[in-house]
N, C-alpha and C. Protein backbone atom coordinates (compact mmCIF):
# COMPACT_ATOMS: atom_id res chain seq x y z
N MET A 1 -17.99 -16.86 -4.93
CA MET A 1 -17.90 -18.00 -5.82
C MET A 1 -18.88 -17.83 -6.98
N LYS A 2 -18.45 -18.26 -8.17
CA LYS A 2 -19.34 -18.28 -9.33
C LYS A 2 -20.47 -19.28 -9.07
N ASP A 3 -21.50 -19.21 -9.91
CA ASP A 3 -22.62 -20.14 -9.74
C ASP A 3 -22.21 -21.60 -9.91
N LEU A 4 -21.18 -21.85 -10.75
CA LEU A 4 -20.69 -23.22 -10.96
C LEU A 4 -19.18 -23.19 -11.12
N ILE A 5 -18.50 -24.02 -10.36
CA ILE A 5 -17.05 -24.18 -10.48
C ILE A 5 -16.78 -25.63 -10.83
N GLU A 6 -15.93 -25.83 -11.84
CA GLU A 6 -15.56 -27.18 -12.25
C GLU A 6 -14.06 -27.38 -12.00
N ILE A 7 -13.73 -28.52 -11.41
CA ILE A 7 -12.35 -28.82 -11.03
C ILE A 7 -11.98 -30.19 -11.60
N ARG A 8 -10.76 -30.26 -12.17
CA ARG A 8 -10.24 -31.55 -12.63
C ARG A 8 -8.98 -31.87 -11.83
N TRP A 9 -8.92 -33.07 -11.31
CA TRP A 9 -7.78 -33.56 -10.54
C TRP A 9 -6.98 -34.53 -11.38
N HIS A 10 -5.64 -34.39 -11.37
CA HIS A 10 -4.75 -35.35 -12.00
C HIS A 10 -3.85 -35.94 -10.93
N GLY A 11 -3.82 -37.24 -10.85
CA GLY A 11 -2.96 -37.91 -9.88
C GLY A 11 -2.59 -39.28 -10.39
N ARG A 12 -1.99 -40.05 -9.52
CA ARG A 12 -1.67 -41.44 -9.83
C ARG A 12 -2.40 -42.31 -8.81
N GLY A 13 -2.75 -43.50 -9.24
CA GLY A 13 -3.45 -44.43 -8.37
C GLY A 13 -2.72 -44.59 -7.05
N GLY A 14 -3.44 -44.44 -5.95
CA GLY A 14 -2.86 -44.59 -4.63
C GLY A 14 -2.45 -43.29 -3.96
N GLN A 15 -2.51 -42.17 -4.68
CA GLN A 15 -2.11 -40.89 -4.09
C GLN A 15 -3.27 -40.14 -3.45
N GLY A 16 -4.48 -40.60 -3.65
CA GLY A 16 -5.61 -40.00 -2.97
C GLY A 16 -6.33 -38.90 -3.72
N ALA A 17 -6.10 -38.74 -5.02
CA ALA A 17 -6.81 -37.69 -5.77
C ALA A 17 -8.31 -37.94 -5.76
N LYS A 18 -8.72 -39.19 -5.94
CA LYS A 18 -10.15 -39.52 -5.92
C LYS A 18 -10.72 -39.22 -4.53
N THR A 19 -10.02 -39.64 -3.50
CA THR A 19 -10.49 -39.40 -2.14
C THR A 19 -10.61 -37.90 -1.86
N ALA A 20 -9.62 -37.13 -2.29
CA ALA A 20 -9.66 -35.68 -2.07
C ALA A 20 -10.85 -35.05 -2.79
N SER A 21 -11.12 -35.50 -4.02
CA SER A 21 -12.25 -34.92 -4.75
C SER A 21 -13.57 -35.26 -4.06
N LEU A 22 -13.67 -36.45 -3.49
CA LEU A 22 -14.89 -36.82 -2.77
C LEU A 22 -15.02 -36.08 -1.44
N LEU A 23 -13.90 -35.87 -0.75
CA LEU A 23 -13.93 -35.08 0.49
C LEU A 23 -14.33 -33.63 0.19
N LEU A 24 -13.83 -33.09 -0.92
CA LEU A 24 -14.21 -31.73 -1.31
C LEU A 24 -15.70 -31.66 -1.60
N ALA A 25 -16.22 -32.66 -2.30
CA ALA A 25 -17.66 -32.68 -2.60
C ALA A 25 -18.47 -32.71 -1.30
N ASP A 26 -18.06 -33.55 -0.36
CA ASP A 26 -18.77 -33.62 0.92
C ASP A 26 -18.73 -32.30 1.67
N ALA A 27 -17.56 -31.68 1.73
CA ALA A 27 -17.42 -30.41 2.44
C ALA A 27 -18.27 -29.32 1.80
N ALA A 28 -18.27 -29.26 0.47
CA ALA A 28 -19.08 -28.26 -0.23
C ALA A 28 -20.56 -28.51 0.01
N PHE A 29 -20.97 -29.77 -0.03
CA PHE A 29 -22.37 -30.12 0.23
C PHE A 29 -22.78 -29.67 1.63
N ASN A 30 -21.90 -29.89 2.59
CA ASN A 30 -22.21 -29.54 3.97
C ASN A 30 -22.28 -28.04 4.21
N THR A 31 -21.79 -27.24 3.26
CA THR A 31 -21.92 -25.79 3.37
C THR A 31 -23.05 -25.27 2.48
N GLY A 32 -23.91 -26.19 2.01
CA GLY A 32 -25.09 -25.77 1.26
C GLY A 32 -24.94 -25.71 -0.24
N LYS A 33 -23.86 -26.23 -0.77
CA LYS A 33 -23.64 -26.19 -2.22
C LYS A 33 -24.22 -27.46 -2.87
N TYR A 34 -24.46 -27.36 -4.16
CA TYR A 34 -24.80 -28.52 -4.97
C TYR A 34 -23.48 -29.09 -5.47
N ILE A 35 -23.37 -30.41 -5.52
CA ILE A 35 -22.05 -30.99 -5.81
C ILE A 35 -22.13 -32.20 -6.72
N GLN A 36 -20.99 -32.45 -7.35
CA GLN A 36 -20.69 -33.71 -8.00
C GLN A 36 -19.22 -33.99 -7.73
N GLY A 37 -18.90 -35.23 -7.48
CA GLY A 37 -17.51 -35.65 -7.31
C GLY A 37 -17.40 -37.06 -7.85
N PHE A 38 -16.53 -37.26 -8.86
CA PHE A 38 -16.46 -38.58 -9.48
C PHE A 38 -15.09 -38.79 -10.13
N PRO A 39 -14.62 -40.04 -10.13
CA PRO A 39 -13.34 -40.37 -10.76
C PRO A 39 -13.53 -40.89 -12.18
N GLU A 40 -12.44 -40.90 -12.92
CA GLU A 40 -12.38 -41.55 -14.23
C GLU A 40 -11.10 -42.40 -14.20
N TYR A 41 -11.26 -43.66 -14.46
CA TYR A 41 -10.11 -44.55 -14.39
C TYR A 41 -9.65 -44.96 -15.77
N GLY A 42 -8.34 -45.15 -15.88
CA GLY A 42 -7.75 -45.82 -17.03
C GLY A 42 -7.44 -47.22 -16.55
N PRO A 43 -6.22 -47.68 -16.80
CA PRO A 43 -5.84 -48.98 -16.24
C PRO A 43 -5.84 -48.88 -14.72
N GLU A 44 -6.60 -49.71 -14.06
CA GLU A 44 -6.76 -49.60 -12.61
C GLU A 44 -5.62 -50.31 -11.89
N ARG A 45 -4.52 -49.58 -11.71
CA ARG A 45 -3.40 -50.13 -10.96
C ARG A 45 -2.70 -49.01 -10.22
N MET A 46 -2.01 -49.38 -9.17
CA MET A 46 -1.27 -48.43 -8.36
C MET A 46 -0.25 -47.70 -9.24
N GLY A 47 -0.25 -46.40 -9.16
CA GLY A 47 0.72 -45.60 -9.92
C GLY A 47 0.26 -45.18 -11.30
N ALA A 48 -0.83 -45.74 -11.80
CA ALA A 48 -1.34 -45.35 -13.12
C ALA A 48 -2.02 -43.99 -13.02
N PRO A 49 -1.95 -43.17 -14.08
CA PRO A 49 -2.63 -41.87 -14.05
C PRO A 49 -4.13 -42.04 -13.87
N ILE A 50 -4.71 -41.21 -13.01
CA ILE A 50 -6.16 -41.17 -12.83
C ILE A 50 -6.61 -39.71 -12.91
N THR A 51 -7.87 -39.55 -13.21
CA THR A 51 -8.48 -38.23 -13.24
C THR A 51 -9.73 -38.28 -12.38
N ALA A 52 -9.95 -37.23 -11.63
CA ALA A 52 -11.17 -37.11 -10.83
C ALA A 52 -11.73 -35.71 -11.07
N TYR A 53 -13.00 -35.54 -10.77
CA TYR A 53 -13.68 -34.29 -11.09
C TYR A 53 -14.57 -33.83 -9.95
N ASN A 54 -14.76 -32.50 -9.90
CA ASN A 54 -15.75 -31.90 -9.01
C ASN A 54 -16.51 -30.84 -9.77
N ARG A 55 -17.80 -30.81 -9.54
CA ARG A 55 -18.64 -29.67 -9.91
C ARG A 55 -19.24 -29.18 -8.62
N ILE A 56 -19.14 -27.88 -8.38
CA ILE A 56 -19.68 -27.29 -7.16
C ILE A 56 -20.45 -26.05 -7.57
N GLY A 57 -21.73 -26.00 -7.19
CA GLY A 57 -22.56 -24.89 -7.64
C GLY A 57 -23.49 -24.37 -6.57
N ASN A 58 -24.01 -23.19 -6.86
CA ASN A 58 -25.01 -22.56 -6.00
C ASN A 58 -26.43 -22.94 -6.41
N LYS A 59 -26.54 -23.61 -7.57
CA LYS A 59 -27.84 -24.02 -8.10
C LYS A 59 -27.75 -25.50 -8.45
N PRO A 60 -28.88 -26.18 -8.61
CA PRO A 60 -28.83 -27.59 -9.01
C PRO A 60 -27.99 -27.77 -10.28
N ILE A 61 -27.22 -28.86 -10.32
CA ILE A 61 -26.33 -29.15 -11.45
C ILE A 61 -27.02 -30.17 -12.34
N THR A 62 -27.20 -29.81 -13.60
CA THR A 62 -27.91 -30.69 -14.53
C THR A 62 -26.97 -31.38 -15.52
N VAL A 63 -25.71 -31.00 -15.55
CA VAL A 63 -24.72 -31.61 -16.45
C VAL A 63 -24.18 -32.87 -15.78
N HIS A 64 -24.08 -33.95 -16.56
CA HIS A 64 -23.58 -35.22 -16.01
C HIS A 64 -22.57 -35.83 -16.97
N SER A 65 -21.50 -35.11 -17.22
CA SER A 65 -20.45 -35.59 -18.12
C SER A 65 -19.10 -35.30 -17.47
N ASN A 66 -18.06 -35.77 -18.12
CA ASN A 66 -16.72 -35.38 -17.68
C ASN A 66 -16.59 -33.87 -17.81
N ILE A 67 -15.54 -33.33 -17.27
CA ILE A 67 -15.30 -31.89 -17.33
C ILE A 67 -14.20 -31.63 -18.35
N TYR A 68 -14.55 -30.90 -19.39
CA TYR A 68 -13.61 -30.66 -20.48
C TYR A 68 -13.01 -29.26 -20.45
N GLU A 69 -13.66 -28.33 -19.77
CA GLU A 69 -13.16 -26.96 -19.66
C GLU A 69 -13.22 -26.53 -18.19
N PRO A 70 -12.30 -27.08 -17.38
CA PRO A 70 -12.35 -26.79 -15.94
C PRO A 70 -11.95 -25.36 -15.61
N ASP A 71 -12.44 -24.90 -14.48
CA ASP A 71 -12.00 -23.61 -13.94
C ASP A 71 -10.67 -23.77 -13.21
N PHE A 72 -10.49 -24.94 -12.60
CA PHE A 72 -9.29 -25.22 -11.82
C PHE A 72 -8.80 -26.63 -12.12
N VAL A 73 -7.47 -26.78 -12.08
CA VAL A 73 -6.85 -28.09 -12.22
C VAL A 73 -5.92 -28.29 -11.03
N VAL A 74 -5.98 -29.49 -10.44
CA VAL A 74 -5.10 -29.86 -9.33
C VAL A 74 -4.21 -31.00 -9.83
N VAL A 75 -2.89 -30.81 -9.74
CA VAL A 75 -1.95 -31.84 -10.15
C VAL A 75 -1.27 -32.37 -8.90
N VAL A 76 -1.63 -33.60 -8.53
CA VAL A 76 -1.15 -34.20 -7.28
C VAL A 76 0.27 -34.75 -7.44
N ASP A 77 0.68 -35.05 -8.66
CA ASP A 77 2.00 -35.63 -8.93
C ASP A 77 2.63 -34.90 -10.11
N ASP A 78 3.73 -34.19 -9.86
CA ASP A 78 4.32 -33.37 -10.92
C ASP A 78 4.94 -34.19 -12.06
N THR A 79 5.14 -35.50 -11.89
CA THR A 79 5.63 -36.31 -13.01
C THR A 79 4.58 -36.38 -14.12
N LEU A 80 3.34 -36.10 -13.80
CA LEU A 80 2.29 -36.11 -14.81
C LEU A 80 2.45 -34.96 -15.80
N LEU A 81 3.21 -33.93 -15.43
CA LEU A 81 3.45 -32.82 -16.36
C LEU A 81 4.18 -33.32 -17.61
N GLU A 82 4.92 -34.41 -17.48
CA GLU A 82 5.64 -35.00 -18.61
C GLU A 82 4.75 -35.95 -19.41
N ALA A 83 3.67 -36.42 -18.82
CA ALA A 83 2.88 -37.49 -19.43
C ALA A 83 1.47 -37.10 -19.87
N VAL A 84 0.92 -36.05 -19.27
CA VAL A 84 -0.49 -35.70 -19.50
C VAL A 84 -0.57 -34.19 -19.79
N ASN A 85 -1.43 -33.81 -20.72
CA ASN A 85 -1.67 -32.39 -20.98
C ASN A 85 -2.63 -31.87 -19.91
N VAL A 86 -2.07 -31.48 -18.77
CA VAL A 86 -2.90 -31.09 -17.62
C VAL A 86 -3.64 -29.77 -17.84
N THR A 87 -3.20 -28.97 -18.80
CA THR A 87 -3.88 -27.69 -19.05
C THR A 87 -4.94 -27.80 -20.14
N ALA A 88 -5.18 -28.98 -20.67
CA ALA A 88 -6.18 -29.14 -21.74
C ALA A 88 -7.52 -28.57 -21.29
N GLY A 89 -8.02 -27.58 -22.04
CA GLY A 89 -9.32 -27.00 -21.77
C GLY A 89 -9.39 -26.07 -20.56
N LEU A 90 -8.30 -25.93 -19.82
CA LEU A 90 -8.31 -25.10 -18.61
C LEU A 90 -8.56 -23.64 -18.96
N LYS A 91 -9.58 -23.06 -18.33
CA LYS A 91 -9.94 -21.68 -18.61
C LYS A 91 -8.83 -20.73 -18.16
N GLU A 92 -8.58 -19.71 -18.96
CA GLU A 92 -7.50 -18.76 -18.64
C GLU A 92 -7.82 -17.87 -17.45
N ASP A 93 -9.10 -17.77 -17.07
CA ASP A 93 -9.41 -17.00 -15.87
C ASP A 93 -9.47 -17.91 -14.64
N GLY A 94 -9.03 -19.14 -14.81
CA GLY A 94 -8.98 -20.10 -13.72
C GLY A 94 -7.56 -20.21 -13.18
N ALA A 95 -7.21 -21.40 -12.70
CA ALA A 95 -5.88 -21.59 -12.12
C ALA A 95 -5.53 -23.07 -12.09
N ILE A 96 -4.23 -23.33 -12.02
CA ILE A 96 -3.72 -24.68 -11.83
C ILE A 96 -2.85 -24.67 -10.58
N ILE A 97 -2.94 -25.72 -9.79
CA ILE A 97 -2.08 -25.87 -8.62
C ILE A 97 -1.38 -27.21 -8.72
N ILE A 98 -0.06 -27.18 -8.50
CA ILE A 98 0.77 -28.35 -8.71
C ILE A 98 1.53 -28.68 -7.43
N ASN A 99 1.55 -29.94 -7.07
CA ASN A 99 2.38 -30.44 -5.98
C ASN A 99 3.79 -30.61 -6.54
N THR A 100 4.67 -29.68 -6.20
CA THR A 100 6.01 -29.73 -6.79
C THR A 100 6.99 -28.86 -6.02
N THR A 101 8.27 -29.17 -6.22
CA THR A 101 9.35 -28.29 -5.76
C THR A 101 10.16 -27.80 -6.95
N LYS A 102 9.68 -28.11 -8.15
CA LYS A 102 10.39 -27.71 -9.37
C LYS A 102 10.35 -26.18 -9.50
N ASP A 103 11.34 -25.65 -10.24
CA ASP A 103 11.42 -24.19 -10.37
C ASP A 103 10.35 -23.66 -11.33
N ASP A 104 10.09 -22.38 -11.21
CA ASP A 104 9.01 -21.73 -11.94
C ASP A 104 9.17 -21.86 -13.46
N GLU A 105 10.39 -21.72 -13.96
CA GLU A 105 10.62 -21.79 -15.41
C GLU A 105 10.30 -23.18 -15.95
N TYR A 106 10.67 -24.20 -15.20
CA TYR A 106 10.34 -25.58 -15.61
C TYR A 106 8.83 -25.73 -15.70
N LEU A 107 8.12 -25.26 -14.68
CA LEU A 107 6.67 -25.40 -14.67
C LEU A 107 6.04 -24.68 -15.87
N LYS A 108 6.47 -23.46 -16.12
CA LYS A 108 5.92 -22.71 -17.25
C LYS A 108 6.15 -23.45 -18.56
N SER A 109 7.34 -24.06 -18.70
CA SER A 109 7.67 -24.76 -19.95
C SER A 109 6.81 -26.01 -20.14
N LYS A 110 6.33 -26.61 -19.06
CA LYS A 110 5.54 -27.84 -19.16
C LYS A 110 4.04 -27.59 -19.24
N LEU A 111 3.62 -26.34 -19.12
CA LEU A 111 2.19 -26.02 -19.07
C LEU A 111 1.67 -25.40 -20.36
N ASN A 112 2.33 -25.69 -21.47
CA ASN A 112 1.85 -25.28 -22.80
C ASN A 112 1.50 -23.79 -22.88
N ASN A 113 2.36 -22.96 -22.28
CA ASN A 113 2.15 -21.51 -22.30
C ASN A 113 0.80 -21.10 -21.72
N TYR A 114 0.33 -21.83 -20.73
CA TYR A 114 -0.94 -21.49 -20.08
C TYR A 114 -0.86 -20.07 -19.55
N LYS A 115 -1.87 -19.27 -19.84
CA LYS A 115 -1.86 -17.84 -19.52
C LYS A 115 -2.53 -17.51 -18.18
N GLY A 116 -3.19 -18.47 -17.58
CA GLY A 116 -3.87 -18.22 -16.31
C GLY A 116 -2.93 -18.30 -15.12
N SER A 117 -3.50 -18.33 -13.94
CA SER A 117 -2.71 -18.37 -12.71
C SER A 117 -2.14 -19.77 -12.47
N ILE A 118 -0.89 -19.79 -12.03
CA ILE A 118 -0.19 -21.03 -11.72
C ILE A 118 0.28 -20.95 -10.27
N TYR A 119 -0.04 -21.99 -9.51
CA TYR A 119 0.37 -22.07 -8.11
C TYR A 119 1.12 -23.38 -7.89
N LYS A 120 1.97 -23.38 -6.88
CA LYS A 120 2.61 -24.63 -6.50
C LYS A 120 2.64 -24.74 -4.98
N ILE A 121 2.79 -25.97 -4.53
CA ILE A 121 2.87 -26.26 -3.11
C ILE A 121 3.69 -27.53 -2.94
N ASP A 122 4.46 -27.59 -1.89
CA ASP A 122 5.25 -28.78 -1.59
C ASP A 122 4.44 -29.67 -0.65
N ALA A 123 3.53 -30.43 -1.25
CA ALA A 123 2.64 -31.30 -0.46
C ALA A 123 3.43 -32.43 0.21
N ARG A 124 4.55 -32.82 -0.38
CA ARG A 124 5.36 -33.88 0.23
C ARG A 124 5.89 -33.43 1.59
N SER A 125 6.53 -32.28 1.64
CA SER A 125 7.09 -31.80 2.91
C SER A 125 6.01 -31.60 3.96
N ILE A 126 4.89 -31.04 3.54
CA ILE A 126 3.79 -30.78 4.47
C ILE A 126 3.27 -32.10 5.04
N SER A 127 2.98 -33.05 4.17
CA SER A 127 2.41 -34.30 4.67
C SER A 127 3.41 -35.10 5.49
N GLU A 128 4.69 -35.07 5.12
CA GLU A 128 5.68 -35.80 5.91
C GLU A 128 5.86 -35.17 7.28
N GLU A 129 5.80 -33.83 7.34
CA GLU A 129 5.91 -33.17 8.65
C GLU A 129 4.67 -33.40 9.50
N ALA A 130 3.50 -33.27 8.90
CA ALA A 130 2.25 -33.35 9.66
C ALA A 130 1.82 -34.78 9.95
N LEU A 131 2.08 -35.69 8.99
CA LEU A 131 1.55 -37.05 9.09
C LEU A 131 2.63 -38.12 9.27
N GLY A 132 3.88 -37.75 9.01
CA GLY A 132 4.95 -38.73 9.12
C GLY A 132 5.07 -39.63 7.91
N LYS A 133 4.21 -39.42 6.90
CA LYS A 133 4.21 -40.21 5.67
C LYS A 133 3.81 -39.30 4.52
N TYR A 134 4.02 -39.80 3.31
CA TYR A 134 3.68 -39.03 2.12
C TYR A 134 2.25 -39.32 1.67
N PHE A 135 1.35 -38.41 2.03
CA PHE A 135 -0.04 -38.44 1.59
C PHE A 135 -0.35 -37.06 1.00
N PRO A 136 -0.11 -36.87 -0.31
CA PRO A 136 -0.24 -35.53 -0.90
C PRO A 136 -1.67 -35.02 -0.99
N ASN A 137 -2.66 -35.90 -0.91
CA ASN A 137 -4.03 -35.45 -1.15
C ASN A 137 -4.54 -34.47 -0.10
N THR A 138 -4.13 -34.63 1.15
CA THR A 138 -4.63 -33.73 2.19
C THR A 138 -4.16 -32.29 1.95
N PRO A 139 -2.86 -32.04 1.74
CA PRO A 139 -2.46 -30.66 1.44
C PRO A 139 -3.05 -30.13 0.13
N MET A 140 -3.21 -31.00 -0.86
CA MET A 140 -3.76 -30.54 -2.14
C MET A 140 -5.23 -30.16 -1.99
N LEU A 141 -5.95 -30.86 -1.14
CA LEU A 141 -7.34 -30.53 -0.87
C LEU A 141 -7.45 -29.12 -0.28
N ALA A 142 -6.63 -28.83 0.71
CA ALA A 142 -6.66 -27.49 1.31
C ALA A 142 -6.27 -26.42 0.30
N SER A 143 -5.30 -26.73 -0.55
CA SER A 143 -4.82 -25.71 -1.49
C SER A 143 -5.89 -25.35 -2.52
N ILE A 144 -6.67 -26.33 -3.01
CA ILE A 144 -7.69 -25.99 -3.99
C ILE A 144 -8.84 -25.21 -3.34
N VAL A 145 -9.16 -25.52 -2.11
CA VAL A 145 -10.20 -24.75 -1.42
C VAL A 145 -9.73 -23.31 -1.23
N ALA A 146 -8.47 -23.13 -0.84
CA ALA A 146 -7.93 -21.78 -0.63
C ALA A 146 -7.92 -20.97 -1.92
N ILE A 147 -7.50 -21.59 -3.01
CA ILE A 147 -7.37 -20.86 -4.28
C ILE A 147 -8.74 -20.59 -4.90
N SER A 148 -9.63 -21.59 -4.88
CA SER A 148 -10.93 -21.42 -5.52
C SER A 148 -11.92 -20.63 -4.68
N GLN A 149 -11.65 -20.54 -3.38
CA GLN A 149 -12.53 -19.85 -2.43
C GLN A 149 -13.95 -20.40 -2.46
N ILE A 150 -14.05 -21.72 -2.58
CA ILE A 150 -15.34 -22.40 -2.56
C ILE A 150 -16.05 -22.16 -1.23
N MET A 151 -15.24 -22.10 -0.17
CA MET A 151 -15.79 -21.86 1.16
C MET A 151 -14.71 -21.18 2.00
N SER A 152 -15.09 -20.67 3.12
CA SER A 152 -14.12 -20.02 4.00
C SER A 152 -13.22 -21.06 4.66
N LYS A 153 -12.06 -20.63 5.09
CA LYS A 153 -11.13 -21.51 5.79
C LYS A 153 -11.80 -22.09 7.03
N GLU A 154 -12.51 -21.26 7.77
CA GLU A 154 -13.16 -21.71 9.00
C GLU A 154 -14.20 -22.79 8.72
N ASP A 155 -15.06 -22.57 7.71
CA ASP A 155 -16.07 -23.58 7.37
C ASP A 155 -15.41 -24.87 6.90
N PHE A 156 -14.37 -24.73 6.10
CA PHE A 156 -13.67 -25.90 5.57
C PHE A 156 -13.06 -26.72 6.70
N LEU A 157 -12.31 -26.08 7.59
CA LEU A 157 -11.65 -26.81 8.67
C LEU A 157 -12.67 -27.44 9.62
N LYS A 158 -13.74 -26.73 9.89
CA LYS A 158 -14.80 -27.27 10.76
C LYS A 158 -15.40 -28.53 10.14
N ASP A 159 -15.68 -28.47 8.84
CA ASP A 159 -16.26 -29.63 8.18
C ASP A 159 -15.26 -30.79 8.10
N MET A 160 -14.00 -30.46 7.85
CA MET A 160 -13.01 -31.53 7.70
C MET A 160 -12.75 -32.26 9.01
N VAL A 161 -12.76 -31.57 10.13
CA VAL A 161 -12.56 -32.28 11.40
C VAL A 161 -13.70 -33.27 11.63
N ALA A 162 -14.92 -32.89 11.30
CA ALA A 162 -16.06 -33.80 11.44
C ALA A 162 -15.93 -34.96 10.45
N SER A 163 -15.51 -34.65 9.23
CA SER A 163 -15.34 -35.69 8.22
C SER A 163 -14.25 -36.68 8.62
N PHE A 164 -13.13 -36.18 9.12
CA PHE A 164 -12.04 -37.05 9.53
C PHE A 164 -12.44 -37.91 10.74
N LYS A 165 -13.24 -37.34 11.64
CA LYS A 165 -13.69 -38.13 12.80
C LYS A 165 -14.52 -39.32 12.33
N HIS A 166 -15.29 -39.11 11.29
CA HIS A 166 -16.09 -40.21 10.73
C HIS A 166 -15.20 -41.17 9.95
N LYS A 167 -14.39 -40.62 9.04
CA LYS A 167 -13.54 -41.44 8.16
C LYS A 167 -12.53 -42.26 8.96
N PHE A 168 -11.96 -41.65 9.99
CA PHE A 168 -10.91 -42.31 10.77
C PHE A 168 -11.40 -42.72 12.16
N ALA A 169 -12.65 -43.15 12.26
CA ALA A 169 -13.22 -43.53 13.56
C ALA A 169 -12.40 -44.63 14.24
N LYS A 170 -11.81 -45.51 13.45
CA LYS A 170 -11.01 -46.60 14.03
C LYS A 170 -9.53 -46.23 14.13
N LYS A 171 -9.15 -45.06 13.61
CA LYS A 171 -7.77 -44.59 13.71
C LYS A 171 -7.75 -43.11 14.11
N PRO A 172 -8.31 -42.77 15.27
CA PRO A 172 -8.42 -41.35 15.64
C PRO A 172 -7.07 -40.65 15.78
N GLU A 173 -5.99 -41.41 15.91
CA GLU A 173 -4.67 -40.80 16.05
C GLU A 173 -4.21 -40.07 14.78
N VAL A 174 -4.83 -40.33 13.63
CA VAL A 174 -4.42 -39.66 12.39
C VAL A 174 -5.18 -38.36 12.14
N ILE A 175 -6.20 -38.08 12.93
CA ILE A 175 -7.01 -36.88 12.71
C ILE A 175 -6.19 -35.62 12.93
N GLU A 176 -5.45 -35.55 14.01
CA GLU A 176 -4.67 -34.35 14.32
C GLU A 176 -3.67 -34.05 13.22
N GLY A 177 -2.98 -35.07 12.72
CA GLY A 177 -2.00 -34.87 11.65
C GLY A 177 -2.64 -34.38 10.37
N ASN A 178 -3.79 -34.93 10.03
CA ASN A 178 -4.49 -34.49 8.82
C ASN A 178 -4.95 -33.05 8.95
N MET A 179 -5.44 -32.67 10.12
CA MET A 179 -5.86 -31.29 10.33
C MET A 179 -4.66 -30.35 10.25
N LYS A 180 -3.54 -30.77 10.82
CA LYS A 180 -2.31 -29.97 10.74
C LYS A 180 -1.89 -29.79 9.29
N ALA A 181 -1.96 -30.86 8.49
CA ALA A 181 -1.58 -30.77 7.08
C ALA A 181 -2.48 -29.79 6.32
N LEU A 182 -3.78 -29.80 6.62
CA LEU A 182 -4.70 -28.85 5.97
C LEU A 182 -4.32 -27.41 6.31
N GLU A 183 -4.08 -27.16 7.59
CA GLU A 183 -3.75 -25.79 8.01
C GLU A 183 -2.41 -25.33 7.45
N MET A 184 -1.42 -26.21 7.46
CA MET A 184 -0.11 -25.85 6.91
C MET A 184 -0.21 -25.53 5.42
N ALA A 185 -0.94 -26.37 4.70
CA ALA A 185 -1.06 -26.18 3.25
C ALA A 185 -1.70 -24.84 2.91
N TRP A 186 -2.70 -24.46 3.67
CA TRP A 186 -3.42 -23.22 3.39
C TRP A 186 -2.44 -22.04 3.33
N ASP A 187 -1.41 -22.08 4.16
CA ASP A 187 -0.48 -20.96 4.26
C ASP A 187 0.79 -21.12 3.44
N GLN A 188 0.97 -22.25 2.73
CA GLN A 188 2.22 -22.48 2.03
C GLN A 188 2.08 -22.54 0.51
N ILE A 189 0.99 -22.03 0.01
CA ILE A 189 0.78 -21.99 -1.45
C ILE A 189 1.63 -20.85 -2.02
N ILE A 190 2.33 -21.15 -3.10
CA ILE A 190 3.18 -20.15 -3.75
C ILE A 190 2.61 -19.84 -5.12
N LYS A 191 2.40 -18.56 -5.42
CA LYS A 191 1.93 -18.17 -6.74
C LYS A 191 3.13 -18.03 -7.68
N VAL A 192 3.11 -18.78 -8.76
CA VAL A 192 4.18 -18.74 -9.77
C VAL A 192 3.90 -17.59 -10.73
N VAL A 193 2.68 -17.56 -11.26
CA VAL A 193 2.25 -16.51 -12.20
C VAL A 193 0.83 -16.14 -11.85
């Protein structure tokens, strides 16, 4: 991992992009990294576009602003490709990962000729199979960890099971499904370019 990795999340209110960015920050912190995880809201309503951010570093982080030139972008809802310039400032040696089943040519056409790596994953199918409902943030969380290599799969899964036990203390029945979604997502990422 580089000394500092910056990640920008694009989602819609209620899809869990903010939660995923905070879970990623916690997991990175628990593996000895310096972290920041924070959301940026527009109109605060269900379904409205939201942006969340992560900074993860090997050294103390002294920058406290939004992220304008991310190394990685996570798009939790592919309808945002029509509404938001998700590649704005995205470094060409970085990558974007999109929750989508759209074909590769469509994705390339919506990404402003982005020259870096493009990945996609069907977070809907994964979450519906593993959780019985559509919660795209869990598969998207695993996919960004896999692509960015912030931590090993083993460290990530170990930390997430502990995190889920805490987060879902009153609903322990959802822990197994969330862990299954993380593991499935890790292996179902498709590289477009």
